[in-house]
Amino acid sequence: MLKQSLTIKKEDARYFVHSIIHSYSQVFFSTHKPFAILLMLVTFYDIYAGLAGLMAVVTTSVAAFILNLHKPTTAEGYYGFNSLLVGLGLGIYYSFGWHLVLIIFLAALFTFFISVSLQGVIGKYKLPYLSIPFILALWTFITATRSFDALGISERGIYTLNELYQVGGDRLIAVHEFFNSIPLPKVISTYFISLSAILFQYSVLTGIAIALGLLLYSRIAFSLSLIGFFVAYLFYNLIGANITQIDYSYIGFNYILTSIALGGFFLIPSIRSYLWVIVLIPLVAVLTISLNTIFLELKLPIYALPFNMVVLLFIYVLKFRSEYSYRLTEVYYQYNSPEKNLYTFLNNTERFRFKQFTQVKLPFFGTWDIAQGHNGAHTHKDQWRHAWDFVILNKEGKQYRNDGDFPEDYFCFGKPVITPEEGVVEKVVNDIDDNIIGEVNLQQNWGNTIIIKHDDELYSKLSHLKKGSIKVEEGEKVRFGQVIAQCGNSGRSPYPHLHFQVQEFPYIGSATKDYPISSYVLHEENKFSFHTHKKPRENDKVSNI
């Protein structure tokens, strides 16, 4: 018991440390630790801003753990990166002191609450909340703190060399002066400063450091940062807009982030994704100019608002496509790396060559066990060999309570069965009696059954369902996760279990199709692992994401 407790504490500590580190790299949609550490160091170019950002991240991580939010999600930095940006913004703007520490604490909590709320509100549409929490929270606190006489506006930017000397002495000043004296073309120096402005730094040196880190994390992301910025720069010149607007407020990071997000993070990197970036960046530029004019009246910076608007709108529009596209593909499971997303997509496409790459998931809630897998020893033979039988086992490895003499004694009996993917109900059988334990019905072999059409030549079949439990009718359209029946013991079923298979034809008794589960979590002793487009094996303990 003590050993288990210590293991849990070590695991929690690891999650907590990761939540802080990854909050930095998530600004660039990454969980690459070296990149995260480099970004953390960059924020301390202004030491007080760096402290403010770190305090905000720690506040958010502590709150997430105290409130018992999902630890792996917290550890990815999904909640912390918006708070980091708010902390950096406040730390740059105001003089450091205990009044500011209090404000940062409140601002980080507020940002965290917005992040979690948006996760629930727009997350159900499979949309990210991006940096909306940062914008709303920083606007709120900048507006409010104008009336806080105890807070003083920071003058550190005026005495930059003095600040650098206190941190790193003559050597740091020499480095600063060296990079500032490099005769870079204006467009190049603006690109670097726009990169650094993402973290509220306004220096060529920090921009170069971030660019090198971005290149280390992902060559695709780095190339997209260049494309996004320079397309915007060319567009400004083409239409005769005030190009100094990019130089003055360094809003060029909107183009950089939009390009990375749509070119290689939320979409699989491809020629089409790059072309869409080139098309959409001018739209971001128009929005940037327009919103700058409007918010200037409110004395509020627009920050990353254009980036958020265009990315969310475009991703939402893609949800309404009538059919799947190999050429412009949304990322189904996020590996936080454009290269890994691309590799996984190409690998799955090559291995399985699905006509529409239709996702087929597990047909239940919670964690179930595979009593019989493909090529099973009992009934999964020959042309019916590609199937699974699912049951529920307790910690002792038993399927039932008491002596297991009745179907109701079995843990899986009566449990909800859900749609493995959206489709149309093709066939329903709902009137076959459930068997007494140990007996089987060989005349009605499959028992109560539902067959769902997901695509041409792609059907799923769920069998041995409980009599009278089926909630759908033939011809009805169903969505993934919809409860459609209960697990039973009908047909050739000596004890309650759920039979699941994929097939090419809409008939009961059709041969099975060798088709993988699109995504599932494998539960092993003291650990979990995520799998995509694989076929779970006999005795595996599995669940949906």
Protein backbone atom coordinates (compact mmCIF):
# COMPACT_ATOMS: atom_id res chain seq x y z
CA MET A 1 0.00 0.00 0.00
CA LEU A 2 2.86 2.38 0.93
CA LYS A 3 4.69 1.50 -2.30
CA GLN A 4 1.56 2.21 -4.33
CA SER A 5 1.09 5.54 -2.52
CA LEU A 6 4.70 6.56 -3.24
CA THR A 7 4.25 5.59 -6.91
CA ILE A 8 1.15 7.80 -7.16
CA LYS A 9 2.97 10.73 -5.53
CA LYS A 10 5.92 10.38 -7.93
CA GLU A 11 3.53 10.22 -10.87
CA ASP A 12 1.70 13.36 -9.67
CA ALA A 13 5.01 15.18 -9.23
CA ARG A 14 6.02 14.24 -12.78
CA TYR A 15 2.67 15.49 -14.13
CA PHE A 16 3.09 18.76 -12.23
CA VAL A 17 6.59 19.43 -13.56
CA HIS A 18 5.47 18.59 -17.10
CA SER A 19 2.47 20.93 -16.77
CA ILE A 20 4.85 23.82 -16.08
CA ILE A 21 7.40 22.98 -18.79
CA HIS A 22 4.85 22.21 -21.51
CA SER A 23 2.95 25.45 -20.83
CA TYR A 24 5.83 27.24 -22.56
CA SER A 25 6.07 25.05 -25.66
CA GLN A 26 2.26 24.88 -26.07
CA VAL A 27 2.40 28.52 -27.17
CA PHE A 28 3.77 26.99 -30.40
CA PHE A 29 1.52 23.87 -30.23
CA SER A 30 4.37 21.71 -28.95
CA THR A 31 5.33 19.43 -26.07
CA HIS A 32 8.98 19.32 -27.14
CA LYS A 33 10.87 19.68 -23.84
CA PRO A 34 14.15 21.22 -25.12
CA PHE A 35 12.08 23.79 -27.03
CA ALA A 36 10.02 24.43 -23.89
CA ILE A 37 13.11 25.02 -21.74
CA LEU A 38 14.57 27.37 -24.36
CA LEU A 39 11.33 29.38 -24.41
CA MET A 40 11.31 29.52 -20.62
CA LEU A 41 14.83 30.96 -20.67
CA VAL A 42 13.81 33.47 -23.35
CA THR A 43 11.04 34.83 -21.10
CA PHE A 44 13.71 35.68 -18.52
CA TYR A 45 15.39 38.07 -20.96
CA ASP A 46 13.27 40.46 -18.92
CA ILE A 47 13.74 38.82 -15.53
CA TYR A 48 10.61 40.27 -13.94
CA ALA A 49 8.43 39.33 -16.90
CA GLY A 50 9.89 35.83 -16.71
CA LEU A 51 9.04 35.60 -13.00
CA ALA A 52 5.52 36.88 -13.65
CA GLY A 53 4.97 34.27 -16.37
CA LEU A 54 6.32 31.46 -14.20
CA MET A 55 4.11 32.50 -11.27
CA ALA A 56 1.06 32.47 -13.53
CA VAL A 57 1.86 28.97 -14.82
CA VAL A 58 2.50 27.59 -11.32
CA THR A 59 -0.78 29.11 -10.10
CA THR A 60 -2.72 27.45 -12.91
CA SER A 61 -1.04 24.06 -12.42
CA VAL A 62 -1.67 24.10 -8.66
CA ALA A 63 -5.32 25.05 -9.22
CA ALA A 64 -5.76 22.26 -11.78
CA PHE A 65 -4.33 19.68 -9.38
CA ILE A 66 -6.30 20.94 -6.36
CA LEU A 67 -9.53 20.81 -8.36
CA ASN A 68 -8.57 17.32 -9.59
CA LEU A 69 -8.74 18.07 -13.31
CA HIS A 70 -7.56 15.42 -15.73
CA LYS A 71 -3.84 15.15 -14.95
CA PRO A 72 -2.55 14.08 -18.40
CA THR A 73 -4.37 17.05 -19.97
CA THR A 74 -2.90 19.39 -17.37
CA ALA A 75 0.55 17.88 -17.92
CA GLU A 76 0.35 18.68 -21.65
CA GLY A 77 0.29 22.39 -20.74
CA TYR A 78 -3.15 22.95 -22.27
CA TYR A 79 -4.35 25.01 -19.30
CA GLY A 80 -1.07 26.74 -18.49
CA PHE A 81 0.01 28.38 -21.75
CA ASN A 82 -2.74 31.02 -21.73
CA SER A 83 -1.92 31.91 -18.13
CA LEU A 84 1.76 32.16 -19.09
CA LEU A 85 0.95 34.75 -21.76
CA VAL A 86 -1.20 36.74 -19.33
CA GLY A 87 1.58 36.68 -16.73
CA LEU A 88 4.16 37.82 -19.29
CA GLY A 89 1.88 40.63 -20.47
CA LEU A 90 1.28 41.95 -16.96
CA GLY A 91 4.94 41.47 -16.00
CA ILE A 92 6.11 43.53 -18.97
CA TYR A 93 3.54 46.28 -18.49
CA TYR A 94 3.77 46.92 -14.74
CA SER A 95 6.54 47.46 -12.22
CA PHE A 96 7.25 44.35 -10.17
CA GLY A 97 6.03 44.30 -6.56
CA TRP A 98 3.69 42.49 -4.22
CA HIS A 99 0.67 44.31 -5.67
CA LEU A 100 1.51 42.87 -9.08
CA VAL A 101 2.03 39.40 -7.58
CA LEU A 102 -1.54 39.50 -6.26
CA ILE A 103 -2.89 40.66 -9.63
CA ILE A 104 -0.97 37.90 -11.45
CA PHE A 105 -2.41 35.28 -9.09
CA LEU A 106 -5.98 36.48 -9.75
CA ALA A 107 -5.39 36.85 -13.49
CA ALA A 108 -3.95 33.33 -13.75
CA LEU A 109 -6.97 31.86 -11.95
CA PHE A 110 -9.36 33.80 -14.17
CA THR A 111 -7.53 32.66 -17.31
CA PHE A 112 -7.61 29.07 -16.07
CA PHE A 113 -11.37 29.22 -15.45
CA ILE A 114 -11.96 30.59 -18.95
CA SER A 115 -9.79 27.85 -20.48
CA VAL A 116 -11.68 25.04 -18.75
CA SER A 117 -15.05 26.62 -19.55
CA LEU A 118 -14.20 27.04 -23.23
CA GLN A 119 -12.97 23.45 -23.30
CA GLY A 120 -16.52 22.45 -22.40
CA VAL A 121 -18.37 25.02 -24.52
CA ILE A 122 -16.55 24.83 -27.87
CA GLY A 123 -14.72 21.58 -27.18
CA LYS A 124 -17.92 19.64 -27.82
CA TYR A 125 -17.68 20.87 -31.43
CA LYS A 126 -14.12 19.52 -31.56
CA LEU A 127 -12.72 23.05 -31.68
CA PRO A 128 -9.66 24.29 -29.78
CA TYR A 129 -9.88 27.38 -27.58
CA LEU A 130 -6.42 28.53 -28.75
CA SER A 131 -5.39 31.75 -26.99
CA ILE A 132 -8.88 33.19 -26.48
CA PRO A 133 -8.56 32.87 -22.65
CA PHE A 134 -5.35 34.92 -22.75
CA ILE A 135 -6.96 37.71 -24.78
CA LEU A 136 -10.11 37.93 -22.63
CA ALA A 137 -8.20 37.78 -19.35
CA LEU A 138 -5.51 40.30 -20.30
CA TRP A 139 -8.08 42.73 -21.70
CA THR A 140 -10.02 42.42 -18.46
CA PHE A 141 -7.06 43.06 -16.19
CA ILE A 142 -5.44 45.79 -18.29
CA THR A 143 -8.75 47.67 -18.32
CA ALA A 144 -9.29 47.16 -14.58
CA THR A 145 -5.74 47.99 -13.49
CA ARG A 146 -5.88 51.42 -15.11
CA SER A 147 -7.69 52.42 -11.94
CA PHE A 148 -5.22 50.72 -9.58
CA ASP A 149 -2.99 53.52 -8.33
CA ALA A 150 -0.81 51.05 -6.41
CA LEU A 151 0.45 49.57 -9.68
CA GLY A 152 3.14 51.51 -11.48
CA ILE A 153 3.80 51.36 -15.21
CA SER A 154 7.10 49.60 -15.90
CA GLU A 155 9.99 51.77 -17.09
CA ARG A 156 12.36 48.86 -17.57
CA GLY A 157 12.28 49.19 -21.35
CA ILE A 158 13.77 52.66 -21.02
CA TYR A 159 16.74 51.36 -19.07
CA THR A 160 17.29 48.12 -20.98
CA LEU A 161 21.08 48.16 -20.70
CA ASN A 162 20.94 48.68 -16.93
CA GLU A 163 18.56 45.74 -16.58
CA LEU A 164 20.77 43.53 -18.75
CA TYR A 165 23.83 44.51 -16.75
CA GLN A 166 22.15 43.46 -13.49
CA VAL A 167 21.30 40.06 -14.98
CA GLY A 168 24.43 39.18 -16.95
CA GLY A 169 26.96 42.00 -16.61
CA ASP A 170 29.13 43.28 -19.46
CA ARG A 171 28.97 39.98 -21.38
CA LEU A 172 25.17 40.06 -21.77
CA ILE A 173 25.30 43.70 -22.83
CA ALA A 174 27.98 42.82 -25.41
CA VAL A 175 25.80 40.02 -26.81
CA HIS A 176 22.79 42.35 -26.91
CA GLU A 177 24.74 45.07 -28.72
CA PHE A 178 26.27 42.56 -31.15
CA PHE A 179 22.92 41.25 -32.35
CA ASN A 180 21.39 44.71 -32.50
CA SER A 181 24.28 45.90 -34.66
CA ILE A 182 23.97 43.11 -37.25
CA PRO A 183 22.98 44.81 -40.53
CA LEU A 184 19.88 42.67 -41.18
CA PRO A 185 17.34 43.67 -43.82
CA LYS A 186 14.31 45.32 -42.22
CA VAL A 187 12.00 42.46 -43.16
CA ILE A 188 14.30 39.87 -41.53
CA SER A 189 14.69 41.78 -38.28
CA THR A 190 10.90 42.34 -38.17
CA TYR A 191 10.37 38.59 -38.58
CA PHE A 192 12.65 37.84 -35.62
CA ILE A 193 11.09 40.54 -33.45
CA SER A 194 7.59 39.31 -34.39
CA LEU A 195 8.60 35.85 -33.23
CA SER A 196 9.87 37.20 -29.93
CA ALA A 197 6.73 39.34 -29.53
CA ILE A 198 4.73 36.13 -29.08
CA LEU A 199 6.37 35.97 -25.63
CA PHE A 200 6.21 39.75 -25.10
CA GLN A 201 9.90 40.13 -25.95
CA TYR A 202 10.91 42.72 -28.56
CA SER A 203 14.46 41.85 -29.53
CA VAL A 204 16.26 40.35 -32.50
CA LEU A 205 18.33 38.21 -30.13
CA THR A 206 15.33 36.51 -28.52
CA GLY A 207 13.70 36.15 -31.94
CA ILE A 208 16.74 34.33 -33.28
CA ALA A 209 16.72 32.04 -30.23
CA ILE A 210 13.04 31.22 -30.74
CA ALA A 211 13.58 30.61 -34.47
CA LEU A 212 16.40 28.15 -33.70
CA GLY A 213 14.20 26.41 -31.13
CA LEU A 214 11.35 26.24 -33.62
CA LEU A 215 13.70 24.68 -36.17
CA LEU A 216 14.85 22.17 -33.55
CA TYR A 217 11.25 21.27 -32.68
CA SER A 218 9.90 21.04 -36.24
CA ARG A 219 11.24 21.93 -39.66
CA ILE A 220 7.67 22.00 -40.93
CA ALA A 221 6.61 24.51 -38.26
CA PHE A 222 9.69 26.64 -38.96
CA SER A 223 9.03 26.70 -42.70
CA LEU A 224 5.40 27.66 -42.07
CA SER A 225 6.45 30.51 -39.78
CA LEU A 226 8.49 31.93 -42.66
CA ILE A 227 5.68 31.44 -45.19
CA GLY A 228 3.07 33.05 -42.95
CA PHE A 229 5.13 36.12 -42.16
CA PHE A 230 6.51 36.80 -45.63
CA VAL A 231 3.16 36.26 -47.38
CA ALA A 232 1.71 38.91 -45.05
CA TYR A 233 4.64 41.22 -45.73
CA LEU A 234 4.18 40.86 -49.48
CA PHE A 235 0.44 41.43 -49.15
CA TYR A 236 1.01 44.69 -47.23
CA ASN A 237 3.29 45.90 -50.00
CA LEU A 238 0.89 44.75 -52.74
CA ILE A 239 -2.14 46.61 -51.42
CA GLY A 240 -0.19 49.64 -50.24
CA ALA A 241 -1.15 49.22 -46.59
CA ASN A 242 0.94 50.81 -43.85
CA ILE A 243 3.75 48.30 -43.59
CA THR A 244 5.11 50.07 -40.49
CA GLN A 245 2.12 48.68 -38.62
CA ILE A 246 3.88 45.32 -38.54
CA ASP A 247 7.08 46.98 -37.36
CA TYR A 248 5.50 49.18 -34.73
CA SER A 249 3.32 46.70 -32.82
CA TYR A 250 4.95 43.50 -34.06
CA ILE A 251 1.55 41.95 -34.80
CA GLY A 252 3.35 39.75 -37.32
CA PHE A 253 3.04 36.89 -34.87
CA ASN A 254 -0.62 36.57 -35.95
CA TYR A 255 0.58 35.47 -39.38
CA ILE A 256 3.20 33.14 -37.92
CA LEU A 257 0.81 31.38 -35.56
CA THR A 258 -1.96 31.11 -38.18
CA SER A 259 0.43 29.53 -40.64
CA ILE A 260 1.76 26.96 -38.15
CA ALA A 261 -1.73 26.12 -36.84
CA LEU A 262 -3.41 25.52 -40.20
CA GLY A 263 -0.42 24.46 -42.27
CA GLY A 264 0.82 21.65 -40.07
CA PHE A 265 -0.83 21.32 -36.66
CA PHE A 266 -4.62 21.08 -36.94
CA LEU A 267 -4.32 19.84 -40.53
CA ILE A 268 -2.00 17.17 -41.88
CA PRO A 269 0.89 19.00 -43.60
CA SER A 270 0.37 18.85 -47.36
CA ILE A 271 0.47 20.98 -50.50
CA ARG A 272 -3.20 21.81 -49.91
CA SER A 273 -2.64 22.92 -46.32
CA TYR A 274 0.25 25.16 -47.44
CA LEU A 275 -1.87 26.63 -50.25
CA TRP A 276 -4.68 27.39 -47.83
CA VAL A 277 -2.20 29.18 -45.59
CA ILE A 278 -1.18 31.38 -48.51
CA VAL A 279 -4.88 32.12 -49.21
CA LEU A 280 -5.83 32.81 -45.60
CA ILE A 281 -2.88 34.95 -44.49
CA PRO A 282 -4.14 38.00 -46.48
CA LEU A 283 -7.48 37.55 -44.69
CA VAL A 284 -5.64 37.64 -41.36
CA ALA A 285 -3.92 40.84 -42.56
CA VAL A 286 -7.24 42.51 -43.42
CA LEU A 287 -8.68 41.52 -40.05
CA THR A 288 -5.55 42.77 -38.29
CA ILE A 289 -5.77 46.21 -39.91
CA SER A 290 -9.51 46.44 -39.30
CA LEU A 291 -9.43 45.28 -35.67
CA ASN A 292 -6.44 47.52 -34.91
CA THR A 293 -8.48 50.52 -36.01
CA ILE A 294 -11.46 49.50 -33.86
CA PHE A 295 -9.56 48.56 -30.70
CA LEU A 296 -7.38 51.65 -30.89
CA GLU A 297 -10.47 53.56 -29.79
CA LEU A 298 -10.70 51.31 -26.73
CA LYS A 299 -6.97 51.66 -26.07
CA LEU A 300 -6.61 47.88 -26.17
CA PRO A 301 -4.09 45.86 -28.20
CA ILE A 302 -5.60 43.22 -30.47
CA TYR A 303 -2.93 40.69 -29.47
CA ALA A 304 -3.66 37.36 -31.22
CA LEU A 305 -7.35 38.03 -31.98
CA PRO A 306 -7.04 37.82 -35.83
CA PHE A 307 -5.17 34.50 -35.54
CA ASN A 308 -7.88 33.06 -33.28
CA MET A 309 -10.74 34.22 -35.49
CA VAL A 310 -9.39 32.87 -38.79
CA VAL A 311 -8.16 29.54 -37.41
CA LEU A 312 -11.40 28.79 -35.55
CA LEU A 313 -13.58 29.82 -38.49
CA PHE A 314 -11.64 27.69 -40.95
CA ILE A 315 -11.58 24.59 -38.72
CA TYR A 316 -15.30 24.97 -38.06
CA VAL A 317 -16.07 25.26 -41.78
CA LEU A 318 -14.20 21.98 -42.39
CA LYS A 319 -16.62 20.20 -40.01
CA PHE A 320 -19.37 20.66 -42.62
CA ARG A 321 -17.61 18.87 -45.47
CA SER A 322 -19.82 16.21 -46.99
CA GLU A 323 -17.05 13.67 -47.45
CA TYR A 324 -13.57 12.83 -46.25
CA SER A 325 -10.59 14.27 -48.12
CA TYR A 326 -7.12 12.78 -48.28
CA ARG A 327 -5.80 16.04 -49.72
CA LEU A 328 -6.87 18.27 -46.83
CA THR A 329 -7.11 16.14 -43.72
CA GLU A 330 -7.82 17.18 -40.17
CA VAL A 331 -5.59 15.68 -37.48
CA TYR A 332 -7.62 13.01 -35.69
CA TYR A 333 -5.28 12.43 -32.74
CA GLN A 334 -2.84 15.20 -31.89
CA TYR A 335 0.82 14.21 -31.42
CA ASN A 336 1.87 17.85 -30.92
CA SER A 337 4.29 17.60 -33.81
CA PRO A 338 3.58 18.26 -37.52
CA GLU A 339 6.13 15.58 -38.46
CA LYS A 340 4.54 12.93 -36.23
CA ASN A 341 1.04 13.83 -37.42
CA LEU A 342 2.18 13.47 -41.03
CA TYR A 343 4.06 10.22 -40.41
CA THR A 344 1.08 8.63 -38.63
CA PHE A 345 -1.30 9.67 -41.40
CA LEU A 346 0.94 8.33 -44.18
CA ASN A 347 1.64 5.13 -42.26
CA ASN A 348 -2.03 4.37 -41.62
CA THR A 349 -2.96 5.23 -45.19
CA GLU A 350 -0.27 2.93 -46.57
CA ARG A 351 -1.07 0.06 -44.21
CA PHE A 352 -4.83 0.01 -44.49
CA ARG A 353 -5.69 1.93 -47.67
CA PHE A 354 -9.22 2.73 -46.49
CA LYS A 355 -11.47 4.05 -49.20
CA GLN A 356 -12.74 6.83 -46.93
CA PHE A 357 -10.51 6.23 -43.91
CA THR A 358 -13.66 5.78 -41.84
CA GLN A 359 -13.07 5.71 -38.11
CA VAL A 360 -14.46 2.69 -36.25
CA LYS A 361 -14.17 2.85 -32.48
CA LEU A 362 -15.04 0.61 -29.55
CA PRO A 363 -18.80 0.11 -29.05
CA PHE A 364 -18.99 0.77 -25.29
CA PHE A 365 -18.28 3.13 -22.42
CA GLY A 366 -15.71 2.34 -19.78
CA THR A 367 -13.10 -0.43 -19.73
CA TRP A 368 -13.85 -3.91 -21.12
CA ASP A 369 -11.79 -7.07 -21.65
CA ILE A 370 -11.39 -9.10 -24.84
CA ALA A 371 -12.46 -12.68 -24.10
CA GLN A 372 -11.92 -13.76 -27.72
CA GLY A 373 -10.04 -11.88 -30.42
CA HIS A 374 -9.26 -12.45 -34.08
CA ASN A 375 -8.72 -16.13 -34.97
CA GLY A 376 -10.16 -17.08 -31.58
CA ALA A 377 -10.16 -20.62 -30.24
CA HIS A 378 -13.95 -21.01 -30.14
CA THR A 379 -16.10 -19.31 -32.77
CA HIS A 380 -13.89 -16.78 -34.58
CA LYS A 381 -12.77 -19.07 -37.37
CA ASP A 382 -12.38 -19.02 -41.15
CA GLN A 383 -14.38 -16.24 -42.84
CA TRP A 384 -15.66 -15.03 -39.42
CA ARG A 385 -12.25 -14.83 -37.82
CA HIS A 386 -11.93 -11.00 -37.71
CA ALA A 387 -14.10 -10.28 -34.70
CA TRP A 388 -13.99 -9.51 -30.97
CA ASP A 389 -15.94 -10.73 -27.94
CA PHE A 390 -15.99 -8.21 -25.09
CA VAL A 391 -16.71 -8.85 -21.40
CA ILE A 392 -16.07 -6.98 -18.14
CA LEU A 393 -13.72 -8.44 -15.53
CA ASN A 394 -13.27 -7.29 -11.94
CA LYS A 395 -9.89 -6.93 -10.20
CA GLU A 396 -9.87 -10.66 -9.42
CA GLY A 397 -10.37 -11.50 -13.09
CA LYS A 398 -13.95 -12.75 -12.67
CA GLN A 399 -16.81 -11.90 -15.04
CA TYR A 400 -19.58 -12.21 -12.47
CA ARG A 401 -20.63 -11.71 -8.87
CA ASN A 402 -21.97 -14.48 -6.61
CA ASP A 403 -21.84 -17.85 -8.41
CA GLY A 404 -22.62 -16.49 -11.87
CA ASP A 405 -25.77 -18.59 -12.22
CA PHE A 406 -27.87 -15.82 -13.77
CA PRO A 407 -27.22 -13.36 -16.62
CA GLU A 408 -27.76 -10.49 -14.17
CA ASP A 409 -24.73 -11.70 -12.18
CA TYR A 410 -22.41 -10.81 -15.06
CA PHE A 411 -20.86 -7.35 -14.94
CA CYS A 412 -21.40 -6.67 -18.65
CA PHE A 413 -25.05 -7.78 -18.75
CA GLY A 414 -27.32 -4.78 -19.31
CA LYS A 415 -24.43 -2.38 -19.83
CA PRO A 416 -24.90 0.26 -22.58
CA VAL A 417 -23.77 -0.54 -26.11
CA ILE A 418 -22.94 2.51 -28.22
CA THR A 419 -22.54 3.31 -31.90
CA PRO A 420 -18.90 2.75 -32.95
CA GLU A 421 -19.17 5.51 -35.58
CA GLU A 422 -21.89 7.56 -37.20
CA GLY A 423 -23.97 5.82 -39.83
CA VAL A 424 -27.40 4.49 -40.71
CA VAL A 425 -29.03 1.48 -39.04
CA GLU A 426 -29.34 -1.25 -41.67
CA LYS A 427 -30.75 -4.21 -39.70
CA VAL A 428 -32.30 -4.76 -36.27
CA VAL A 429 -33.26 -8.00 -34.48
CA ASN A 430 -34.69 -7.36 -31.01
CA ASP A 431 -37.03 -10.22 -29.98
CA ILE A 432 -34.79 -13.21 -29.18
CA ASP A 433 -34.77 -14.43 -25.58
CA ASP A 434 -31.63 -14.23 -23.49
CA ASN A 435 -30.20 -17.66 -22.66
CA ILE A 436 -29.93 -19.38 -19.32
CA ILE A 437 -26.25 -19.47 -18.33
CA GLY A 438 -24.51 -22.39 -20.05
CA GLU A 439 -27.14 -22.85 -22.77
CA VAL A 440 -26.94 -21.58 -26.37
CA ASN A 441 -29.43 -20.86 -29.18
CA LEU A 442 -28.02 -22.48 -32.33
CA GLN A 443 -31.12 -21.73 -34.43
CA GLN A 444 -30.72 -17.98 -34.05
CA ASN A 445 -26.96 -17.97 -33.86
CA TRP A 446 -26.29 -14.19 -33.64
CA GLY A 447 -29.10 -13.39 -31.25
CA ASN A 448 -30.39 -9.83 -31.05
CA THR A 449 -28.30 -7.81 -33.49
CA ILE A 450 -27.76 -4.35 -34.93
CA ILE A 451 -26.00 -3.75 -38.25
CA ILE A 452 -24.93 -0.19 -39.05
CA LYS A 453 -23.78 1.13 -42.42
CA HIS A 454 -20.86 3.54 -42.09
CA ASP A 455 -19.77 3.71 -45.72
CA ASP A 456 -19.93 1.78 -48.98
CA GLU A 457 -18.85 -1.79 -48.23
CA LEU A 458 -18.28 -0.90 -44.57
CA TYR A 459 -20.73 -2.12 -41.91
CA SER A 460 -20.40 -2.90 -38.22
CA LYS A 461 -22.37 -5.64 -36.46
CA LEU A 462 -23.13 -5.88 -32.73
CA SER A 463 -24.62 -9.17 -31.57
CA HIS A 464 -25.90 -11.15 -28.54
CA LEU A 465 -27.74 -8.03 -27.33
CA LYS A 466 -30.33 -8.07 -24.54
CA LYS A 467 -33.89 -8.77 -25.65
CA GLY A 468 -35.99 -5.62 -26.01
CA SER A 469 -33.07 -3.29 -25.26
CA ILE A 470 -32.47 -1.94 -28.77
CA LYS A 471 -33.34 1.75 -28.97
CA VAL A 472 -32.98 2.37 -32.73
CA GLU A 473 -34.92 1.41 -35.83
CA GLU A 474 -33.88 0.42 -39.33
CA GLY A 475 -33.15 3.48 -41.47
CA GLU A 476 -32.38 5.66 -38.46
CA LYS A 477 -29.27 7.84 -38.60
CA VAL A 478 -27.01 7.42 -35.56
CA ARG A 479 -23.95 9.26 -34.27
CA PHE A 480 -20.83 8.00 -32.53
CA GLY A 481 -21.32 7.41 -28.79
CA GLN A 482 -25.11 7.14 -29.02
CA VAL A 483 -26.54 4.45 -26.72
CA ILE A 484 -28.34 2.01 -29.00
CA ALA A 485 -28.81 -1.17 -26.92
CA GLN A 486 -27.65 -3.20 -23.91
CA CYS A 487 -25.25 -6.11 -23.69
CA GLY A 488 -27.14 -9.41 -23.42
CA ASN A 489 -26.91 -13.17 -23.71
CA SER A 490 -28.96 -14.07 -26.80
CA GLY A 491 -28.06 -16.42 -29.63
CA ARG A 492 -24.99 -18.63 -29.51
CA SER A 493 -23.87 -17.13 -26.21
CA PRO A 494 -23.31 -19.37 -23.15
CA TYR A 495 -22.61 -16.32 -20.96
CA PRO A 496 -23.21 -12.55 -21.45
CA HIS A 497 -20.79 -10.83 -23.80
CA LEU A 498 -20.76 -8.38 -26.72
CA HIS A 499 -19.77 -9.64 -30.16
CA PHE A 500 -18.41 -6.95 -32.49
CA GLN A 501 -17.21 -7.18 -36.08
CA VAL A 502 -16.77 -5.13 -39.25
CA GLN A 503 -18.08 -6.52 -42.56
CA GLU A 504 -18.53 -5.54 -46.21
CA PHE A 505 -22.20 -6.52 -46.58
CA PRO A 506 -25.39 -5.60 -44.69
CA TYR A 507 -26.47 -9.15 -43.82
CA ILE A 508 -26.53 -11.09 -40.58
CA GLY A 509 -24.02 -13.88 -41.08
CA SER A 510 -21.81 -11.95 -43.52
CA ALA A 511 -18.11 -12.69 -43.45
CA THR A 512 -15.97 -10.41 -41.33
CA LYS A 513 -13.67 -7.69 -42.70
CA ASP A 514 -10.10 -7.25 -41.40
CA TYR A 515 -10.44 -3.67 -40.16
CA PRO A 516 -8.68 -1.96 -37.24
CA ILE A 517 -10.08 0.06 -34.35
CA SER A 518 -9.28 3.69 -35.16
CA SER A 519 -8.23 4.61 -31.61
CA TYR A 520 -8.29 3.06 -28.16
CA VAL A 521 -6.50 3.05 -24.82
CA LEU A 522 -4.77 -0.17 -23.74
CA HIS A 523 -4.81 -0.66 -19.96
CA GLU A 524 -1.82 -2.50 -18.53
CA GLU A 525 -0.58 -2.83 -14.98
CA ASN A 526 0.23 0.65 -13.63
CA LYS A 527 0.25 2.25 -17.09
CA PHE A 528 -1.80 3.16 -20.13
CA SER A 529 -0.88 3.37 -23.80
CA PHE A 530 -2.70 4.95 -26.71
CA HIS A 531 -3.10 3.10 -30.02
CA THR A 532 -4.42 4.18 -33.39
CA HIS A 533 -5.59 1.99 -36.26
CA LYS A 534 -4.64 -1.27 -34.61
CA LYS A 535 -6.44 -4.48 -33.76
CA PRO A 536 -6.58 -5.17 -30.01
CA ARG A 537 -5.75 -8.74 -29.05
CA GLU A 538 -7.29 -11.42 -26.89
CA ASN A 539 -7.00 -10.67 -23.13
CA ASP A 540 -6.36 -6.97 -23.77
CA LYS A 541 -8.15 -4.53 -21.45
CA VAL A 542 -9.32 -1.58 -23.56
CA SER A 543 -11.39 1.59 -23.51
CA ASN A 544 -12.25 4.53 -25.76
CA ILE A 545 -10.32 7.79 -25.39
